[in-house]
Amino acid sequence: MTGKYDVLLVIVLLFATFIVQNAQVVEVRFLFWKAQASRSLVLLGTLLLGLIAGWLSRWAREKHSES
């Protein structure tokens, strides 16, 4: 179990370093919506949306297998 946590820690540290180095303001466009935000916030938001989507997918799969 410790190996998994070590790998997770390394990935988190690499991602944090990547975010800190990409703090420039960028324009974000989605359909007809447009905004300016820090690139690091956009990356963090994308990461969080991906984690939520993965969690929901796993939850739905487990719920479906219980039936």
N, C-alpha and C. Protein backbone atom coordinates (compact mmCIF):
# COMPACT_ATOMS: atom_id res chain seq x y z
N MET A 1 0.82 -1.19 0.00
CA MET A 1 0.00 0.00 0.00
C MET A 1 0.88 1.26 0.00
N THR A 2 2.03 1.21 0.60
CA THR A 2 2.91 2.36 0.66
C THR A 2 3.40 2.77 -0.72
N GLY A 3 3.63 1.81 -1.59
CA GLY A 3 4.08 2.11 -2.95
C GLY A 3 3.07 2.96 -3.71
N LYS A 4 1.79 2.66 -3.53
CA LYS A 4 0.73 3.43 -4.20
C LYS A 4 0.73 4.87 -3.71
N TYR A 5 0.90 5.04 -2.41
CA TYR A 5 0.91 6.39 -1.84
C TYR A 5 2.15 7.17 -2.28
N ASP A 6 3.27 6.48 -2.41
CA ASP A 6 4.49 7.14 -2.89
C ASP A 6 4.31 7.62 -4.33
N VAL A 7 3.74 6.79 -5.17
CA VAL A 7 3.49 7.16 -6.57
C VAL A 7 2.50 8.32 -6.62
N LEU A 8 1.45 8.25 -5.81
CA LEU A 8 0.46 9.32 -5.77
C LEU A 8 1.10 10.63 -5.31
N LEU A 9 1.96 10.57 -4.31
CA LEU A 9 2.65 11.77 -3.82
C LEU A 9 3.53 12.38 -4.91
N VAL A 10 4.25 11.56 -5.65
CA VAL A 10 5.10 12.06 -6.73
C VAL A 10 4.25 12.73 -7.81
N ILE A 11 3.13 12.12 -8.16
CA ILE A 11 2.25 12.68 -9.18
C ILE A 11 1.68 14.02 -8.72
N VAL A 12 1.25 14.09 -7.47
CA VAL A 12 0.71 15.33 -6.92
C VAL A 12 1.77 16.43 -6.91
N LEU A 13 2.99 16.08 -6.51
CA LEU A 13 4.08 17.08 -6.49
C LEU A 13 4.42 17.57 -7.90
N LEU A 14 4.44 16.66 -8.86
CA LEU A 14 4.70 17.06 -10.24
C LEU A 14 3.59 17.96 -10.77
N PHE A 15 2.35 17.62 -10.46
CA PHE A 15 1.22 18.44 -10.91
C PHE A 15 1.26 19.81 -10.25
N ALA A 16 1.58 19.85 -8.96
CA ALA A 16 1.68 21.14 -8.26
C ALA A 16 2.77 22.01 -8.87
N THR A 17 3.90 21.41 -9.19
CA THR A 17 4.99 22.15 -9.84
C THR A 17 4.55 22.68 -11.20
N PHE A 18 3.84 21.87 -11.95
CA PHE A 18 3.34 22.27 -13.26
C PHE A 18 2.38 23.45 -13.12
N ILE A 19 1.51 23.41 -12.13
CA ILE A 19 0.54 24.49 -11.92
C ILE A 19 1.25 25.78 -11.56
N VAL A 20 2.21 25.71 -10.64
CA VAL A 20 2.93 26.91 -10.21
C VAL A 20 3.67 27.56 -11.38
N GLN A 21 4.21 26.76 -12.27
CA GLN A 21 4.96 27.29 -13.40
C GLN A 21 4.06 27.80 -14.53
N ASN A 22 2.76 27.58 -14.42
CA ASN A 22 1.83 28.02 -15.47
C ASN A 22 0.77 28.94 -14.88
N ALA A 23 1.20 30.04 -14.29
CA ALA A 23 0.28 30.95 -13.61
C ALA A 23 -0.19 32.11 -14.49
N GLN A 24 0.16 32.11 -15.76
CA GLN A 24 -0.25 33.20 -16.66
C GLN A 24 -1.78 33.22 -16.82
N VAL A 25 -2.30 34.40 -17.13
CA VAL A 25 -3.74 34.54 -17.37
C VAL A 25 -4.02 34.15 -18.82
N VAL A 26 -5.03 33.33 -19.00
CA VAL A 26 -5.41 32.88 -20.34
C VAL A 26 -6.90 33.10 -20.54
N GLU A 27 -7.30 33.14 -21.80
CA GLU A 27 -8.72 33.25 -22.12
C GLU A 27 -9.28 31.85 -22.30
N VAL A 28 -10.40 31.60 -21.64
CA VAL A 28 -11.06 30.30 -21.71
C VAL A 28 -12.38 30.49 -22.45
N ARG A 29 -12.58 29.69 -23.49
CA ARG A 29 -13.83 29.77 -24.26
C ARG A 29 -14.52 28.42 -24.25
N PHE A 30 -15.82 28.44 -24.01
CA PHE A 30 -16.63 27.23 -24.05
C PHE A 30 -17.97 27.60 -24.66
N LEU A 31 -18.25 27.07 -25.84
CA LEU A 31 -19.45 27.40 -26.61
C LEU A 31 -19.51 28.91 -26.79
N PHE A 32 -20.48 29.59 -26.18
CA PHE A 32 -20.63 31.03 -26.34
C PHE A 32 -20.12 31.80 -25.12
N TRP A 33 -19.54 31.09 -24.19
CA TRP A 33 -19.06 31.68 -22.94
C TRP A 33 -17.56 31.95 -23.05
N LYS A 34 -17.14 33.09 -22.52
CA LYS A 34 -15.73 33.47 -22.60
C LYS A 34 -15.33 34.10 -21.27
N ALA A 35 -14.15 33.73 -20.75
CA ALA A 35 -13.67 34.30 -19.49
C ALA A 35 -12.15 34.28 -19.47
N GLN A 36 -11.57 35.06 -18.59
CA GLN A 36 -10.14 35.03 -18.38
C GLN A 36 -9.87 34.47 -16.99
N ALA A 37 -8.89 33.60 -16.92
CA ALA A 37 -8.54 32.98 -15.65
C ALA A 37 -7.08 32.58 -15.67
N SER A 38 -6.55 32.38 -14.50
CA SER A 38 -5.19 31.89 -14.38
C SER A 38 -5.12 30.48 -14.97
N ARG A 39 -4.08 30.23 -15.75
CA ARG A 39 -3.93 28.90 -16.35
C ARG A 39 -3.90 27.82 -15.27
N SER A 40 -3.30 28.13 -14.13
CA SER A 40 -3.23 27.14 -13.05
C SER A 40 -4.62 26.80 -12.52
N LEU A 41 -5.51 27.81 -12.44
CA LEU A 41 -6.87 27.53 -11.99
C LEU A 41 -7.64 26.70 -13.02
N VAL A 42 -7.40 26.97 -14.29
CA VAL A 42 -8.04 26.19 -15.34
C VAL A 42 -7.58 24.73 -15.26
N LEU A 43 -6.27 24.53 -15.06
CA LEU A 43 -5.74 23.16 -14.94
C LEU A 43 -6.28 22.46 -13.70
N LEU A 44 -6.33 23.17 -12.59
CA LEU A 44 -6.86 22.59 -11.36
C LEU A 44 -8.34 22.23 -11.52
N GLY A 45 -9.10 23.12 -12.14
CA GLY A 45 -10.51 22.84 -12.39
C GLY A 45 -10.71 21.63 -13.29
N THR A 46 -9.86 21.51 -14.29
CA THR A 46 -9.92 20.35 -15.18
C THR A 46 -9.60 19.06 -14.43
N LEU A 47 -8.60 19.12 -13.56
CA LEU A 47 -8.25 17.97 -12.75
C LEU A 47 -9.43 17.57 -11.86
N LEU A 48 -10.04 18.54 -11.20
CA LEU A 48 -11.16 18.24 -10.31
C LEU A 48 -12.35 17.66 -11.07
N LEU A 49 -12.64 18.22 -12.24
CA LEU A 49 -13.74 17.68 -13.05
C LEU A 49 -13.45 16.24 -13.48
N GLY A 50 -12.20 15.96 -13.81
CA GLY A 50 -11.82 14.60 -14.18
C GLY A 50 -11.94 13.64 -13.01
N LEU A 51 -11.54 14.08 -11.82
CA LEU A 51 -11.67 13.23 -10.63
C LEU A 51 -13.14 12.95 -10.32
N ILE A 52 -13.97 13.97 -10.43
CA ILE A 52 -15.40 13.79 -10.18
C ILE A 52 -16.02 12.85 -11.21
N ALA A 53 -15.66 13.02 -12.47
CA ALA A 53 -16.18 12.14 -13.52
C ALA A 53 -15.75 10.70 -13.29
N GLY A 54 -14.52 10.49 -12.89
CA GLY A 54 -14.05 9.14 -12.58
C GLY A 54 -14.76 8.54 -11.39
N TRP A 55 -14.97 9.35 -10.36
CA TRP A 55 -15.67 8.86 -9.18
C TRP A 55 -17.11 8.49 -9.52
N LEU A 56 -17.79 9.35 -10.29
CA LEU A 56 -19.17 9.06 -10.68
C LEU A 56 -19.26 7.81 -11.55
N SER A 57 -18.29 7.63 -12.43
CA SER A 57 -18.27 6.46 -13.29
C SER A 57 -18.11 5.18 -12.46
N ARG A 58 -17.21 5.23 -11.51
CA ARG A 58 -16.99 4.06 -10.65
C ARG A 58 -18.22 3.78 -9.79
N TRP A 59 -18.82 4.85 -9.25
CA TRP A 59 -20.01 4.70 -8.42
C TRP A 59 -21.15 4.08 -9.22
N ALA A 60 -21.34 4.55 -10.46
CA ALA A 60 -22.41 4.02 -11.32
C ALA A 60 -22.16 2.55 -11.66
N ARG A 61 -20.89 2.20 -11.93
CA ARG A 61 -20.55 0.82 -12.26
C ARG A 61 -20.81 -0.10 -11.06
N GLU A 62 -20.43 0.35 -9.86
CA GLU A 62 -20.64 -0.46 -8.66
C GLU A 62 -22.13 -0.58 -8.37
N LYS A 63 -22.89 0.49 -8.54
CA LYS A 63 -24.33 0.45 -8.30
C LYS A 63 -25.01 -0.49 -9.30
N HIS A 64 -24.53 -0.46 -10.55
CA HIS A 64 -25.11 -1.31 -11.57
C HIS A 64 -24.79 -2.80 -11.30
N SER A 65 -23.64 -3.09 -10.79
CA SER A 65 -23.26 -4.49 -10.52
C SER A 65 -23.97 -5.04 -9.30
N GLU A 66 -24.47 -4.18 -8.40
CA GLU A 66 -25.23 -4.64 -7.24
C GLU A 66 -26.60 -5.14 -7.63
N SER A 67 -27.18 -4.59 -8.69
CA SER A 67 -28.55 -4.94 -9.10
C SER A 67 -28.65 -6.32 -9.65
